[in-house]
Amino acid sequence: MSVNRGSHNHDVSPLGLLERPAYSLAMASRLVGLTKPRVSRWLRGYSYQSPTGPGRVTIRRNLAPVLPAKRSDLDPFVSFLDIVDLLFVKAFLDQGVSLQRLRQALNEAETILGRSRFAHKDFWTSGRNVYLQVRNHEGALLQLLSGGQWTLAGIIQETGRQLDFDRQTGITERWFPLGREVPVVLDPMICFGAPAIHRRGILTANVYDFYLAERENRDRTCQWFDLKAAEVDAAVRYQSMLAAA
């Protein structure tokens, strides 16, 4: 059995790896917990036909994507940063923030900081409001869509606690989908961004496949990959969740 321990071409910049299309829409939907059509709409927008006017003439309307980061409409794959953006949108929606407000917040953030992504350390949320941390104001957050009102952040959301950010750029560089206490990570610098055992460089899918092939024998799986029981359990748990998605 081959084990993917590889990394990437060193000629590719870290930011280039983060933005490299590497995940199919189907995989992105499984990783984030959203339907494939929803992932496509949020990243690429969509068109629909609607009757209008006295004669009920049908016209085509185009709805812009929620996440307007630059990407090719012809590329069927999405990047790691797209995945993280989707995580933030899902978290905001779960708290009651509308898609319209999220679009407006990103537009404001791009005006302030020159970026149009949520996959950045500067973003936080509380209740129905979206906040942006501006580095020149330590401990303070700018409430987007509020005319520039300043407020203090109270709670860092769970989504933010699952992410590691680059110290210089603030861009998200890795994601712990089950939380930091579980050794499963998505890191574009390791295994081409596929789910892997943290600090091991071994695909969780490989561990899971071997575990099933060995009739769910954890000890044999540990021996074969030189892993701890907790690492095998984490891989099995995560891959089982993906399989059920």
C-alpha atoms as a PDB file:
ATOM      1  CA  MET A   1       0.000   0.000   0.000  1.00  0.00           C
ATOM      2  CA  SER A   2       1.347   3.412  -0.932  1.00  0.00           C
ATOM      3  CA  VAL A   3       1.203   6.153   1.661  1.00  0.00           C
ATOM      4  CA  ASN A   4       1.074   9.759   0.532  1.00  0.00           C
ATOM      5  CA  ARG A   5       3.603  11.623   2.622  1.00  0.00           C
ATOM      6  CA  GLY A   6       4.441  14.122  -0.084  1.00  0.00           C
ATOM      7  CA  SER A   7       4.328  17.879  -0.081  1.00  0.00           C
ATOM      8  CA  HIS A   8       4.408  20.310  -2.996  1.00  0.00           C
ATOM      9  CA  ASN A   9       6.775  21.731  -5.511  1.00  0.00           C
ATOM     10  CA  HIS A  10       8.954  24.233  -3.662  1.00  0.00           C
ATOM     11  CA  ASP A  11       8.721  26.616  -6.636  1.00  0.00           C
ATOM     12  CA  VAL A  12       5.068  27.243  -5.821  1.00  0.00           C
ATOM     13  CA  SER A  13       4.424  30.019  -3.292  1.00  0.00           C
ATOM     14  CA  PRO A  14       2.481  29.233  -0.105  1.00  0.00           C
ATOM     15  CA  LEU A  15      -0.292  31.622  -1.166  1.00  0.00           C
ATOM     16  CA  GLY A  16      -0.364  29.934  -4.563  1.00  0.00           C
ATOM     17  CA  LEU A  17      -0.956  26.594  -2.862  1.00  0.00           C
ATOM     18  CA  LEU A  18      -3.746  28.051  -0.738  1.00  0.00           C
ATOM     19  CA  GLU A  19      -5.448  29.387  -3.862  1.00  0.00           C
ATOM     20  CA  ARG A  20      -4.734  26.365  -6.064  1.00  0.00           C
ATOM     21  CA  PRO A  21      -7.925  24.607  -7.278  1.00  0.00           C
ATOM     22  CA  ALA A  22      -7.585  21.220  -5.574  1.00  0.00           C
ATOM     23  CA  TYR A  23     -11.032  20.105  -4.390  1.00  0.00           C
ATOM     24  CA  SER A  24     -13.978  19.040  -6.506  1.00  0.00           C
ATOM     25  CA  LEU A  25     -17.357  20.597  -5.738  1.00  0.00           C
ATOM     26  CA  ALA A  26     -18.495  17.224  -4.433  1.00  0.00           C
ATOM     27  CA  MET A  27     -15.538  16.989  -2.039  1.00  0.00           C
ATOM     28  CA  ALA A  28     -15.983  20.614  -0.950  1.00  0.00           C
ATOM     29  CA  SER A  29     -19.627  19.968  -0.127  1.00  0.00           C
ATOM     30  CA  ARG A  30     -18.699  16.918   1.972  1.00  0.00           C
ATOM     31  CA  LEU A  31     -15.907  18.703   3.820  1.00  0.00           C
ATOM     32  CA  VAL A  32     -18.007  21.753   4.689  1.00  0.00           C
ATOM     33  CA  GLY A  33     -21.361  20.026   5.168  1.00  0.00           C
ATOM     34  CA  LEU A  34     -23.262  21.817   2.403  1.00  0.00           C
ATOM     35  CA  THR A  35     -25.046  20.577  -0.691  1.00  0.00           C
ATOM     36  CA  LYS A  36     -23.098  20.636  -3.946  1.00  0.00           C
ATOM     37  CA  PRO A  37     -25.554  23.076  -5.647  1.00  0.00           C
ATOM     38  CA  ARG A  38     -25.238  25.453  -2.693  1.00  0.00           C
ATOM     39  CA  VAL A  39     -21.454  25.378  -2.862  1.00  0.00           C
ATOM     40  CA  SER A  40     -21.616  26.147  -6.583  1.00  0.00           C
ATOM     41  CA  ARG A  41     -24.060  29.043  -6.108  1.00  0.00           C
ATOM     42  CA  TRP A  42     -22.087  30.640  -3.271  1.00  0.00           C
ATOM     43  CA  LEU A  43     -18.800  30.470  -5.181  1.00  0.00           C
ATOM     44  CA  ARG A  44     -19.932  31.114  -8.743  1.00  0.00           C
ATOM     45  CA  GLY A  45     -23.376  32.695  -8.557  1.00  0.00           C
ATOM     46  CA  TYR A  46     -26.171  31.493 -10.780  1.00  0.00           C
ATOM     47  CA  SER A  47     -28.786  32.487 -13.334  1.00  0.00           C
ATOM     48  CA  TYR A  48     -32.511  31.910 -13.221  1.00  0.00           C
ATOM     49  CA  GLN A  49     -35.576  32.856 -15.236  1.00  0.00           C
ATOM     50  CA  SER A  50     -38.334  34.975 -13.756  1.00  0.00           C
ATOM     51  CA  PRO A  51     -41.641  36.251 -15.215  1.00  0.00           C
ATOM     52  CA  THR A  52     -42.069  40.028 -14.956  1.00  0.00           C
ATOM     53  CA  GLY A  53     -44.124  42.902 -16.325  1.00  0.00           C
ATOM     54  CA  PRO A  54     -47.771  43.116 -17.410  1.00  0.00           C
ATOM     55  CA  GLY A  55     -47.318  40.506 -20.092  1.00  0.00           C
ATOM     56  CA  ARG A  56     -45.452  38.209 -17.675  1.00  0.00           C
ATOM     57  CA  VAL A  57     -42.468  38.184 -19.975  1.00  0.00           C
ATOM     58  CA  THR A  58     -39.782  35.797 -18.790  1.00  0.00           C
ATOM     59  CA  ILE A  59     -36.358  37.345 -18.310  1.00  0.00           C
ATOM     60  CA  ARG A  60     -33.064  35.880 -17.161  1.00  0.00           C
ATOM     61  CA  ARG A  61     -31.618  37.217 -13.914  1.00  0.00           C
ATOM     62  CA  ASN A  62     -28.056  36.768 -12.753  1.00  0.00           C
ATOM     63  CA  LEU A  63     -27.264  36.510  -9.049  1.00  0.00           C
ATOM     64  CA  ALA A  64     -23.709  37.311  -7.991  1.00  0.00           C
ATOM     65  CA  PRO A  65     -21.741  34.809  -5.880  1.00  0.00           C
ATOM     66  CA  VAL A  66     -21.621  35.308  -2.127  1.00  0.00           C
ATOM     67  CA  LEU A  67     -17.827  34.939  -2.231  1.00  0.00           C
ATOM     68  CA  PRO A  68     -16.482  37.099  -5.061  1.00  0.00           C
ATOM     69  CA  ALA A  69     -12.831  36.027  -4.862  1.00  0.00           C
ATOM     70  CA  LYS A  70     -11.238  35.703  -8.291  1.00  0.00           C
ATOM     71  CA  ARG A  71     -11.597  32.230  -9.774  1.00  0.00           C
ATOM     72  CA  SER A  72     -12.121  30.693 -13.182  1.00  0.00           C
ATOM     73  CA  ASP A  73     -15.716  29.830 -14.011  1.00  0.00           C
ATOM     74  CA  LEU A  74     -14.409  27.033 -16.222  1.00  0.00           C
ATOM     75  CA  ASP A  75     -12.444  25.328 -13.430  1.00  0.00           C
ATOM     76  CA  PRO A  76     -14.543  22.581 -11.794  1.00  0.00           C
ATOM     77  CA  PHE A  77     -12.356  22.658  -8.670  1.00  0.00           C
ATOM     78  CA  VAL A  78     -12.128  25.026  -5.713  1.00  0.00           C
ATOM     79  CA  SER A  79      -9.228  26.046  -3.493  1.00  0.00           C
ATOM     80  CA  PHE A  80      -8.422  25.606   0.178  1.00  0.00           C
ATOM     81  CA  LEU A  81      -9.255  29.274   0.809  1.00  0.00           C
ATOM     82  CA  ASP A  82     -12.602  28.737  -0.926  1.00  0.00           C
ATOM     83  CA  ILE A  83     -13.252  25.893   1.524  1.00  0.00           C
ATOM     84  CA  VAL A  84     -12.495  28.136   4.504  1.00  0.00           C
ATOM     85  CA  ASP A  85     -14.642  30.951   3.084  1.00  0.00           C
ATOM     86  CA  LEU A  86     -17.520  28.490   2.812  1.00  0.00           C
ATOM     87  CA  LEU A  87     -16.993  27.508   6.464  1.00  0.00           C
ATOM     88  CA  PHE A  88     -17.310  31.139   7.549  1.00  0.00           C
ATOM     89  CA  VAL A  89     -20.432  31.740   5.443  1.00  0.00           C
ATOM     90  CA  LYS A  90     -22.046  28.622   6.884  1.00  0.00           C
ATOM     91  CA  ALA A  91     -21.182  29.758  10.436  1.00  0.00           C
ATOM     92  CA  PHE A  92     -22.585  33.236   9.805  1.00  0.00           C
ATOM     93  CA  LEU A  93     -25.802  31.823   8.339  1.00  0.00           C
ATOM     94  CA  ASP A  94     -26.212  29.514  11.334  1.00  0.00           C
ATOM     95  CA  GLN A  95     -26.167  32.660  13.504  1.00  0.00           C
ATOM     96  CA  GLY A  96     -28.804  34.372  11.415  1.00  0.00           C
ATOM     97  CA  VAL A  97     -26.688  36.599   9.184  1.00  0.00           C
ATOM     98  CA  SER A  98     -28.309  36.862   5.739  1.00  0.00           C
ATOM     99  CA  LEU A  99     -26.464  36.248   2.483  1.00  0.00           C
ATOM    100  CA  GLN A 100     -27.221  39.822   1.446  1.00  0.00           C
ATOM    101  CA  ARG A 101     -25.515  41.179   4.576  1.00  0.00           C
ATOM    102  CA  LEU A 102     -22.532  38.908   4.009  1.00  0.00           C
ATOM    103  CA  ARG A 103     -22.110  40.217   0.460  1.00  0.00           C
ATOM    104  CA  GLN A 104     -22.278  43.775   1.763  1.00  0.00           C
ATOM    105  CA  ALA A 105     -19.806  43.007   4.570  1.00  0.00           C
ATOM    106  CA  LEU A 106     -17.284  41.587   2.108  1.00  0.00           C
ATOM    107  CA  ASN A 107     -17.641  44.656  -0.082  1.00  0.00           C
ATOM    108  CA  GLU A 108     -16.925  46.880   2.919  1.00  0.00           C
ATOM    109  CA  ALA A 109     -13.982  44.721   3.984  1.00  0.00           C
ATOM    110  CA  GLU A 110     -12.491  44.928   0.500  1.00  0.00           C
ATOM    111  CA  THR A 111     -12.751  48.727   0.668  1.00  0.00           C
ATOM    112  CA  ILE A 112     -11.058  48.826   4.095  1.00  0.00           C
ATOM    113  CA  LEU A 113      -8.400  46.135   3.735  1.00  0.00           C
ATOM    114  CA  GLY A 114      -8.292  45.407   0.014  1.00  0.00           C
ATOM    115  CA  ARG A 115      -9.384  41.768   0.351  1.00  0.00           C
ATOM    116  CA  SER A 116     -12.577  39.942  -0.467  1.00  0.00           C
ATOM    117  CA  ARG A 117     -12.278  36.778   1.599  1.00  0.00           C
ATOM    118  CA  PHE A 118     -13.493  35.589   4.994  1.00  0.00           C
ATOM    119  CA  ALA A 119     -10.508  33.206   5.199  1.00  0.00           C
ATOM    120  CA  HIS A 120      -8.555  35.740   7.219  1.00  0.00           C
ATOM    121  CA  LYS A 121      -7.752  36.241  10.892  1.00  0.00           C
ATOM    122  CA  ASP A 122      -9.334  39.692  10.875  1.00  0.00           C
ATOM    123  CA  PHE A 123     -12.897  38.367  10.642  1.00  0.00           C
ATOM    124  CA  TRP A 124     -15.101  37.600  13.677  1.00  0.00           C
ATOM    125  CA  THR A 125     -18.808  37.506  14.339  1.00  0.00           C
ATOM    126  CA  SER A 126     -21.233  37.969  17.213  1.00  0.00           C
ATOM    127  CA  GLY A 127     -24.954  37.378  16.873  1.00  0.00           C
ATOM    128  CA  ARG A 128     -26.376  38.916  13.705  1.00  0.00           C
ATOM    129  CA  ASN A 129     -23.483  41.327  13.129  1.00  0.00           C
ATOM    130  CA  VAL A 130     -20.252  40.844  11.231  1.00  0.00           C
ATOM    131  CA  TYR A 131     -17.087  42.365  12.673  1.00  0.00           C
ATOM    132  CA  LEU A 132     -13.711  43.117  11.176  1.00  0.00           C
ATOM    133  CA  GLN A 133     -10.577  43.410  13.293  1.00  0.00           C
ATOM    134  CA  VAL A 134      -8.351  46.238  12.132  1.00  0.00           C
ATOM    135  CA  ARG A 135      -4.739  45.804  13.223  1.00  0.00           C
ATOM    136  CA  ASN A 136      -4.167  49.457  14.062  1.00  0.00           C
ATOM    137  CA  HIS A 137      -6.822  49.246  16.772  1.00  0.00           C
ATOM    138  CA  GLU A 138      -5.673  46.557  19.187  1.00  0.00           C
ATOM    139  CA  GLY A 139      -8.544  44.750  20.896  1.00  0.00           C
ATOM    140  CA  ALA A 140     -11.188  46.614  18.907  1.00  0.00           C
ATOM    141  CA  LEU A 141     -13.388  45.456  16.060  1.00  0.00           C
ATOM    142  CA  LEU A 142     -15.119  47.444  13.381  1.00  0.00           C
ATOM    143  CA  GLN A 143     -18.748  46.440  12.998  1.00  0.00           C
ATOM    144  CA  LEU A 144     -19.394  46.152   9.292  1.00  0.00           C
ATOM    145  CA  LEU A 145     -22.707  47.440   7.906  1.00  0.00           C
ATOM    146  CA  SER A 146     -23.079  49.781  10.889  1.00  0.00           C
ATOM    147  CA  GLY A 147     -21.608  53.030   9.602  1.00  0.00           C
ATOM    148  CA  GLY A 148     -18.237  52.357  11.231  1.00  0.00           C
ATOM    149  CA  GLN A 149     -19.217  51.773  14.861  1.00  0.00           C
ATOM    150  CA  TRP A 150     -16.425  50.308  17.056  1.00  0.00           C
ATOM    151  CA  THR A 151     -17.106  47.539  19.535  1.00  0.00           C
ATOM    152  CA  LEU A 152     -15.190  44.972  21.600  1.00  0.00           C
ATOM    153  CA  ALA A 153     -15.220  41.312  20.613  1.00  0.00           C
ATOM    154  CA  GLY A 154     -16.757  39.038  23.233  1.00  0.00           C
ATOM    155  CA  ILE A 155     -16.611  35.514  21.821  1.00  0.00           C
ATOM    156  CA  ILE A 156     -14.386  33.926  19.195  1.00  0.00           C
ATOM    157  CA  GLN A 157     -16.517  31.523  17.218  1.00  0.00           C
ATOM    158  CA  GLU A 158     -15.750  27.810  17.028  1.00  0.00           C
ATOM    159  CA  THR A 159     -14.908  28.083  13.351  1.00  0.00           C
ATOM    160  CA  GLY A 160     -12.067  30.470  14.121  1.00  0.00           C
ATOM    161  CA  ARG A 161     -10.699  28.132  16.778  1.00  0.00           C
ATOM    162  CA  GLN A 162     -10.333  25.372  14.193  1.00  0.00           C
ATOM    163  CA  LEU A 163      -7.997  27.420  12.020  1.00  0.00           C
ATOM    164  CA  ASP A 164      -4.314  28.343  11.953  1.00  0.00           C
ATOM    165  CA  PHE A 165      -3.382  31.701  10.438  1.00  0.00           C
ATOM    166  CA  ASP A 166      -0.133  32.842   8.898  1.00  0.00           C
ATOM    167  CA  ARG A 167       1.510  35.268  11.315  1.00  0.00           C
ATOM    168  CA  GLN A 168       2.515  37.766   8.638  1.00  0.00           C
ATOM    169  CA  THR A 169      -0.412  37.726   6.221  1.00  0.00           C
ATOM    170  CA  GLY A 170      -3.231  36.605   8.527  1.00  0.00           C
ATOM    171  CA  ILE A 171      -4.458  34.232   5.797  1.00  0.00           C
ATOM    172  CA  THR A 172      -5.756  30.840   6.904  1.00  0.00           C
ATOM    173  CA  GLU A 173      -3.105  28.174   6.304  1.00  0.00           C
ATOM    174  CA  ARG A 174      -4.579  25.009   7.847  1.00  0.00           C
ATOM    175  CA  TRP A 175      -7.892  23.683   9.182  1.00  0.00           C
ATOM    176  CA  PHE A 176      -8.561  21.194  11.987  1.00  0.00           C
ATOM    177  CA  PRO A 177     -12.096  20.054  11.056  1.00  0.00           C
ATOM    178  CA  LEU A 178     -12.710  18.152  14.310  1.00  0.00           C
ATOM    179  CA  GLY A 179     -11.027  20.745  16.526  1.00  0.00           C
ATOM    180  CA  ARG A 180      -7.412  21.184  17.569  1.00  0.00           C
ATOM    181  CA  GLU A 181      -7.556  18.358  20.079  1.00  0.00           C
ATOM    182  CA  VAL A 182      -8.148  15.839  17.254  1.00  0.00           C
ATOM    183  CA  PRO A 183      -5.103  15.127  15.021  1.00  0.00           C
ATOM    184  CA  VAL A 184      -6.834  15.521  11.653  1.00  0.00           C
ATOM    185  CA  VAL A 185      -5.804  18.475   9.494  1.00  0.00           C
ATOM    186  CA  LEU A 186      -6.247  19.936   6.016  1.00  0.00           C
ATOM    187  CA  ASP A 187      -3.034  21.727   5.065  1.00  0.00           C
ATOM    188  CA  PRO A 188      -2.266  22.626   1.423  1.00  0.00           C
ATOM    189  CA  MET A 189       1.434  22.167   2.198  1.00  0.00           C
ATOM    190  CA  ILE A 190       0.855  18.517   3.181  1.00  0.00           C
ATOM    191  CA  CYS A 191      -0.696  15.744   1.051  1.00  0.00           C
ATOM    192  CA  PHE A 192      -1.962  18.325  -1.455  1.00  0.00           C
ATOM    193  CA  GLY A 193      -4.497  19.591   1.074  1.00  0.00           C
ATOM    194  CA  ALA A 194      -6.306  16.278   1.544  1.00  0.00           C
ATOM    195  CA  PRO A 195      -7.323  15.302   5.112  1.00  0.00           C
ATOM    196  CA  ALA A 196      -4.271  13.901   6.882  1.00  0.00           C
ATOM    197  CA  ILE A 197      -2.945  12.937  10.299  1.00  0.00           C
ATOM    198  CA  HIS A 198      -1.414  16.041  11.860  1.00  0.00           C
ATOM    199  CA  ARG A 199       2.418  16.027  11.954  1.00  0.00           C
ATOM    200  CA  ARG A 200       2.450  12.627  10.214  1.00  0.00           C
ATOM    201  CA  GLY A 201       1.684  13.420   6.591  1.00  0.00           C
ATOM    202  CA  ILE A 202      -0.463  10.302   6.218  1.00  0.00           C
ATOM    203  CA  LEU A 203      -3.825  10.514   4.489  1.00  0.00           C
ATOM    204  CA  THR A 204      -6.777   9.697   6.721  1.00  0.00           C
ATOM    205  CA  ALA A 205      -8.314   7.933   3.715  1.00  0.00           C
ATOM    206  CA  ASN A 206      -5.358   5.535   3.544  1.00  0.00           C
ATOM    207  CA  VAL A 207      -5.635   4.768   7.238  1.00  0.00           C
ATOM    208  CA  TYR A 208      -9.373   4.210   6.949  1.00  0.00           C
ATOM    209  CA  ASP A 209      -9.079   1.935   3.903  1.00  0.00           C
ATOM    210  CA  PHE A 210      -6.446  -0.220   5.600  1.00  0.00           C
ATOM    211  CA  TYR A 211      -8.526  -0.333   8.784  1.00  0.00           C
ATOM    212  CA  LEU A 212     -11.534  -1.656   6.847  1.00  0.00           C
ATOM    213  CA  ALA A 213      -9.394  -4.093   4.867  1.00  0.00           C
ATOM    214  CA  GLU A 214      -8.058  -5.490   8.152  1.00  0.00           C
ATOM    215  CA  ARG A 215     -11.602  -6.002   9.430  1.00  0.00           C
ATOM    216  CA  GLU A 216     -11.420  -2.957  11.705  1.00  0.00           C
ATOM    217  CA  ASN A 217      -8.329  -4.180  13.497  1.00  0.00           C
ATOM    218  CA  ARG A 218      -6.920  -1.032  15.109  1.00  0.00           C
ATOM    219  CA  ASP A 219      -3.720  -2.668  16.410  1.00  0.00           C
ATOM    220  CA  ARG A 220      -2.681  -3.846  12.938  1.00  0.00           C
ATOM    221  CA  THR A 221      -3.464  -0.426  11.509  1.00  0.00           C
ATOM    222  CA  CYS A 222      -1.323   1.237  14.163  1.00  0.00           C
ATOM    223  CA  GLN A 223       1.568  -1.096  13.433  1.00  0.00           C
ATOM    224  CA  TRP A 224       1.365  -0.710   9.659  1.00  0.00           C
ATOM    225  CA  PHE A 225       1.398   3.089   9.705  1.00  0.00           C
ATOM    226  CA  ASP A 226       3.381   3.496  12.924  1.00  0.00           C
ATOM    227  CA  LEU A 227       0.536   5.522  14.430  1.00  0.00           C
ATOM    228  CA  LYS A 228      -0.901   5.895  17.899  1.00  0.00           C
ATOM    229  CA  ALA A 229      -4.326   4.483  18.667  1.00  0.00           C
ATOM    230  CA  ALA A 230      -5.760   8.005  19.034  1.00  0.00           C
ATOM    231  CA  GLU A 231      -4.498   8.910  15.555  1.00  0.00           C
ATOM    232  CA  VAL A 232      -6.091   5.857  13.968  1.00  0.00           C
ATOM    233  CA  ASP A 233      -9.336   6.511  15.848  1.00  0.00           C
ATOM    234  CA  ALA A 234      -9.330  10.107  14.604  1.00  0.00           C
ATOM    235  CA  ALA A 235      -8.819   9.031  10.994  1.00  0.00           C
ATOM    236  CA  VAL A 236     -11.571   6.425  11.202  1.00  0.00           C
ATOM    237  CA  ARG A 237     -13.940   8.879  12.871  1.00  0.00           C
ATOM    238  CA  TYR A 238     -13.364  11.596  10.285  1.00  0.00           C
ATOM    239  CA  GLN A 239     -13.545   9.358   7.230  1.00  0.00           C
ATOM    240  CA  SER A 240     -16.718   7.753   8.590  1.00  0.00           C
ATOM    241  CA  MET A 241     -18.233  11.233   8.868  1.00  0.00           C
ATOM    242  CA  LEU A 242     -17.266  12.041   5.282  1.00  0.00           C
ATOM    243  CA  ALA A 243     -18.685   8.753   4.041  1.00  0.00           C
ATOM    244  CA  ALA A 244     -22.007   9.512   5.723  1.00  0.00           C
ATOM    245  CA  ALA A 245     -22.189  13.051   4.337  1.00  0.00           C
END
